[in-house]
Amino acid sequence: MKLCDVYIKDDVPKVQLSEDCPVTDSFRLETNLWLREFFGIQPAIPDGEVQVEGNLWYVNPRTYVTLKEQFRSKG
């Protein structure tokens, strides 16, 4: 029996160039990589939180692993 669909939202960069910034694709890629390395990433959804929209669940990668382990241990 399927209760819901689970979607994983990856972590996102804390800082990146706006799409409106008029630069070349290669400059954008190089700069965004540097910004990601310098400032890091942040969860799109906080650890342990599940965002529910109807029968869709959205989680971050770490929460997904935790949920999967909990369901397997009870199964």
N, C-alpha and C. Protein backbone atom coordinates (compact mmCIF):
# COMPACT_ATOMS: atom_id res chain seq x y z
N MET A 1 0.85 -1.19 0.00
CA MET A 1 0.00 0.00 0.00
C MET A 1 0.89 1.24 0.00
N LYS A 2 0.66 2.10 -0.93
CA LYS A 2 1.44 3.33 -1.06
C LYS A 2 0.70 4.48 -0.37
N LEU A 3 1.38 5.11 0.59
CA LEU A 3 0.76 6.20 1.33
C LEU A 3 1.06 7.56 0.72
N CYS A 4 2.29 7.70 0.20
CA CYS A 4 2.70 9.01 -0.31
C CYS A 4 3.89 8.87 -1.24
N ASP A 5 4.22 9.94 -1.93
CA ASP A 5 5.45 10.03 -2.71
C ASP A 5 6.40 10.93 -1.95
N VAL A 6 7.66 10.52 -1.85
CA VAL A 6 8.66 11.29 -1.13
C VAL A 6 9.64 11.89 -2.14
N TYR A 7 9.85 13.19 -2.02
CA TYR A 7 10.79 13.89 -2.88
C TYR A 7 11.90 14.47 -2.03
N ILE A 8 13.12 14.32 -2.50
CA ILE A 8 14.28 14.83 -1.76
C ILE A 8 14.68 16.17 -2.35
N LYS A 9 14.72 17.18 -1.50
CA LYS A 9 15.19 18.51 -1.91
C LYS A 9 16.63 18.64 -1.44
N ASP A 10 17.54 18.75 -2.38
CA ASP A 10 18.95 18.86 -2.06
C ASP A 10 19.25 20.16 -1.34
N ASP A 11 20.39 20.15 -0.65
CA ASP A 11 20.87 21.37 -0.01
C ASP A 11 21.15 22.41 -1.09
N VAL A 12 21.06 23.67 -0.71
CA VAL A 12 21.25 24.77 -1.66
C VAL A 12 22.39 25.67 -1.21
N PRO A 13 23.04 26.35 -2.15
CA PRO A 13 24.11 27.28 -1.77
C PRO A 13 23.55 28.42 -0.93
N LYS A 14 24.36 28.88 0.03
CA LYS A 14 23.93 30.02 0.84
C LYS A 14 23.94 31.30 0.01
N VAL A 15 24.88 31.38 -0.95
CA VAL A 15 25.01 32.57 -1.79
C VAL A 15 25.29 32.12 -3.22
N GLN A 16 24.65 32.77 -4.18
CA GLN A 16 24.96 32.53 -5.59
C GLN A 16 24.57 33.75 -6.41
N LEU A 17 25.12 33.85 -7.59
CA LEU A 17 24.79 34.98 -8.46
C LEU A 17 23.33 34.92 -8.90
N SER A 18 22.71 36.05 -8.96
CA SER A 18 21.34 36.14 -9.46
C SER A 18 21.31 35.79 -10.94
N GLU A 19 20.24 35.18 -11.38
CA GLU A 19 20.08 34.91 -12.81
C GLU A 19 20.00 36.20 -13.62
N ASP A 20 19.65 37.30 -12.96
CA ASP A 20 19.57 38.59 -13.64
C ASP A 20 20.92 39.26 -13.81
N CYS A 21 21.96 38.72 -13.18
CA CYS A 21 23.30 39.29 -13.29
C CYS A 21 23.85 39.02 -14.69
N PRO A 22 24.18 40.09 -15.43
CA PRO A 22 24.59 39.93 -16.84
C PRO A 22 26.05 39.49 -16.98
N VAL A 23 26.28 38.18 -16.84
CA VAL A 23 27.63 37.63 -16.98
C VAL A 23 27.55 36.40 -17.90
N THR A 24 28.72 35.95 -18.34
CA THR A 24 28.74 34.77 -19.21
C THR A 24 28.43 33.53 -18.38
N ASP A 25 28.01 32.48 -19.05
CA ASP A 25 27.70 31.22 -18.36
C ASP A 25 28.93 30.67 -17.64
N SER A 26 30.09 30.75 -18.28
CA SER A 26 31.31 30.22 -17.66
C SER A 26 31.69 31.03 -16.41
N PHE A 27 31.52 32.37 -16.47
CA PHE A 27 31.82 33.19 -15.29
C PHE A 27 30.85 32.86 -14.17
N ARG A 28 29.56 32.70 -14.50
CA ARG A 28 28.54 32.35 -13.50
C ARG A 28 28.88 31.02 -12.82
N LEU A 29 29.22 30.02 -13.62
CA LEU A 29 29.55 28.71 -13.08
C LEU A 29 30.77 28.79 -12.16
N GLU A 30 31.83 29.42 -12.63
CA GLU A 30 33.06 29.53 -11.84
C GLU A 30 32.82 30.31 -10.55
N THR A 31 32.10 31.41 -10.64
CA THR A 31 31.83 32.23 -9.46
C THR A 31 30.93 31.50 -8.48
N ASN A 32 29.88 30.86 -8.98
CA ASN A 32 28.97 30.12 -8.09
C ASN A 32 29.69 28.96 -7.39
N LEU A 33 30.61 28.31 -8.08
CA LEU A 33 31.39 27.25 -7.44
C LEU A 33 32.25 27.82 -6.32
N TRP A 34 32.88 28.97 -6.58
CA TRP A 34 33.71 29.61 -5.55
C TRP A 34 32.84 30.05 -4.37
N LEU A 35 31.69 30.67 -4.65
CA LEU A 35 30.79 31.11 -3.58
C LEU A 35 30.33 29.94 -2.73
N ARG A 36 30.05 28.83 -3.38
CA ARG A 36 29.59 27.63 -2.65
C ARG A 36 30.71 27.12 -1.74
N GLU A 37 31.93 27.10 -2.27
CA GLU A 37 33.06 26.63 -1.46
C GLU A 37 33.33 27.58 -0.29
N PHE A 38 33.24 28.88 -0.53
CA PHE A 38 33.57 29.87 0.49
C PHE A 38 32.46 30.00 1.54
N PHE A 39 31.20 30.10 1.11
CA PHE A 39 30.09 30.33 2.04
C PHE A 39 29.36 29.06 2.46
N GLY A 40 29.49 28.00 1.68
CA GLY A 40 28.87 26.73 2.03
C GLY A 40 27.44 26.59 1.52
N ILE A 41 26.79 25.56 2.03
CA ILE A 41 25.42 25.24 1.63
C ILE A 41 24.53 25.23 2.86
N GLN A 42 23.24 25.21 2.62
CA GLN A 42 22.27 25.13 3.70
C GLN A 42 21.13 24.22 3.26
N PRO A 43 20.46 23.61 4.21
CA PRO A 43 19.36 22.72 3.85
C PRO A 43 18.21 23.50 3.21
N ALA A 44 17.64 22.96 2.13
CA ALA A 44 16.44 23.56 1.55
C ALA A 44 15.28 23.38 2.52
N ILE A 45 15.31 22.28 3.26
CA ILE A 45 14.34 21.96 4.30
C ILE A 45 15.14 21.57 5.53
N PRO A 46 14.84 22.12 6.69
CA PRO A 46 15.62 21.79 7.90
C PRO A 46 15.64 20.30 8.20
N ASP A 47 16.74 19.83 8.81
CA ASP A 47 16.86 18.43 9.21
C ASP A 47 15.69 18.05 10.12
N GLY A 48 15.13 16.87 9.86
CA GLY A 48 14.04 16.36 10.68
C GLY A 48 12.67 16.89 10.31
N GLU A 49 12.61 17.81 9.38
CA GLU A 49 11.32 18.39 9.00
C GLU A 49 10.81 17.74 7.72
N VAL A 50 9.50 17.52 7.67
CA VAL A 50 8.85 16.98 6.48
C VAL A 50 7.81 18.00 6.04
N GLN A 51 7.91 18.46 4.80
CA GLN A 51 6.90 19.36 4.26
C GLN A 51 5.91 18.51 3.49
N VAL A 52 4.65 18.66 3.83
CA VAL A 52 3.60 17.82 3.25
C VAL A 52 2.66 18.67 2.40
N GLU A 53 2.44 18.22 1.18
CA GLU A 53 1.46 18.84 0.28
C GLU A 53 0.61 17.72 -0.29
N GLY A 54 -0.55 17.51 0.30
CA GLY A 54 -1.40 16.40 -0.13
C GLY A 54 -0.73 15.08 0.18
N ASN A 55 -0.52 14.24 -0.85
CA ASN A 55 0.17 12.98 -0.62
C ASN A 55 1.65 13.05 -1.02
N LEU A 56 2.20 14.27 -1.11
CA LEU A 56 3.61 14.47 -1.42
C LEU A 56 4.36 14.89 -0.17
N TRP A 57 5.46 14.22 0.11
CA TRP A 57 6.33 14.57 1.22
C TRP A 57 7.64 15.09 0.65
N TYR A 58 8.12 16.21 1.19
CA TYR A 58 9.40 16.78 0.79
C TYR A 58 10.34 16.77 1.99
N VAL A 59 11.54 16.23 1.80
CA VAL A 59 12.52 16.14 2.88
C VAL A 59 13.91 16.43 2.32
N ASN A 60 14.88 16.68 3.23
CA ASN A 60 16.26 16.82 2.75
C ASN A 60 16.92 15.44 2.78
N PRO A 61 18.10 15.30 2.20
CA PRO A 61 18.73 13.96 2.10
C PRO A 61 18.95 13.28 3.45
N ARG A 62 19.32 14.03 4.49
CA ARG A 62 19.59 13.43 5.79
C ARG A 62 18.30 12.92 6.44
N THR A 63 17.23 13.67 6.32
CA THR A 63 15.94 13.25 6.87
C THR A 63 15.44 12.01 6.13
N TYR A 64 15.67 11.96 4.82
CA TYR A 64 15.25 10.80 4.04
C TYR A 64 15.91 9.53 4.56
N VAL A 65 17.21 9.60 4.82
CA VAL A 65 17.95 8.44 5.33
C VAL A 65 17.37 8.02 6.68
N THR A 66 17.12 8.98 7.55
CA THR A 66 16.56 8.69 8.87
C THR A 66 15.19 8.03 8.76
N LEU A 67 14.31 8.59 7.92
CA LEU A 67 12.98 8.00 7.73
C LEU A 67 13.07 6.58 7.18
N LYS A 68 13.94 6.38 6.20
CA LYS A 68 14.09 5.08 5.58
C LYS A 68 14.55 4.04 6.62
N GLU A 69 15.51 4.43 7.47
CA GLU A 69 15.98 3.51 8.50
C GLU A 69 14.87 3.20 9.52
N GLN A 70 14.08 4.20 9.88
CA GLN A 70 13.00 3.97 10.84
C GLN A 70 11.92 3.05 10.28
N PHE A 71 11.56 3.23 9.01
CA PHE A 71 10.54 2.39 8.42
C PHE A 71 11.04 0.95 8.24
N ARG A 72 12.34 0.80 7.91
CA ARG A 72 12.90 -0.55 7.75
C ARG A 72 12.94 -1.29 9.08
N SER A 73 13.27 -0.57 10.15
CA SER A 73 13.40 -1.24 11.46
C SER A 73 12.02 -1.66 12.00
N LYS A 74 10.96 -1.00 11.54
CA LYS A 74 9.62 -1.35 12.00
C LYS A 74 8.95 -2.37 11.09
N GLY A 75 9.53 -2.56 9.89
CA GLY A 75 8.89 -3.39 8.90
C GLY A 75 9.13 -4.83 9.07
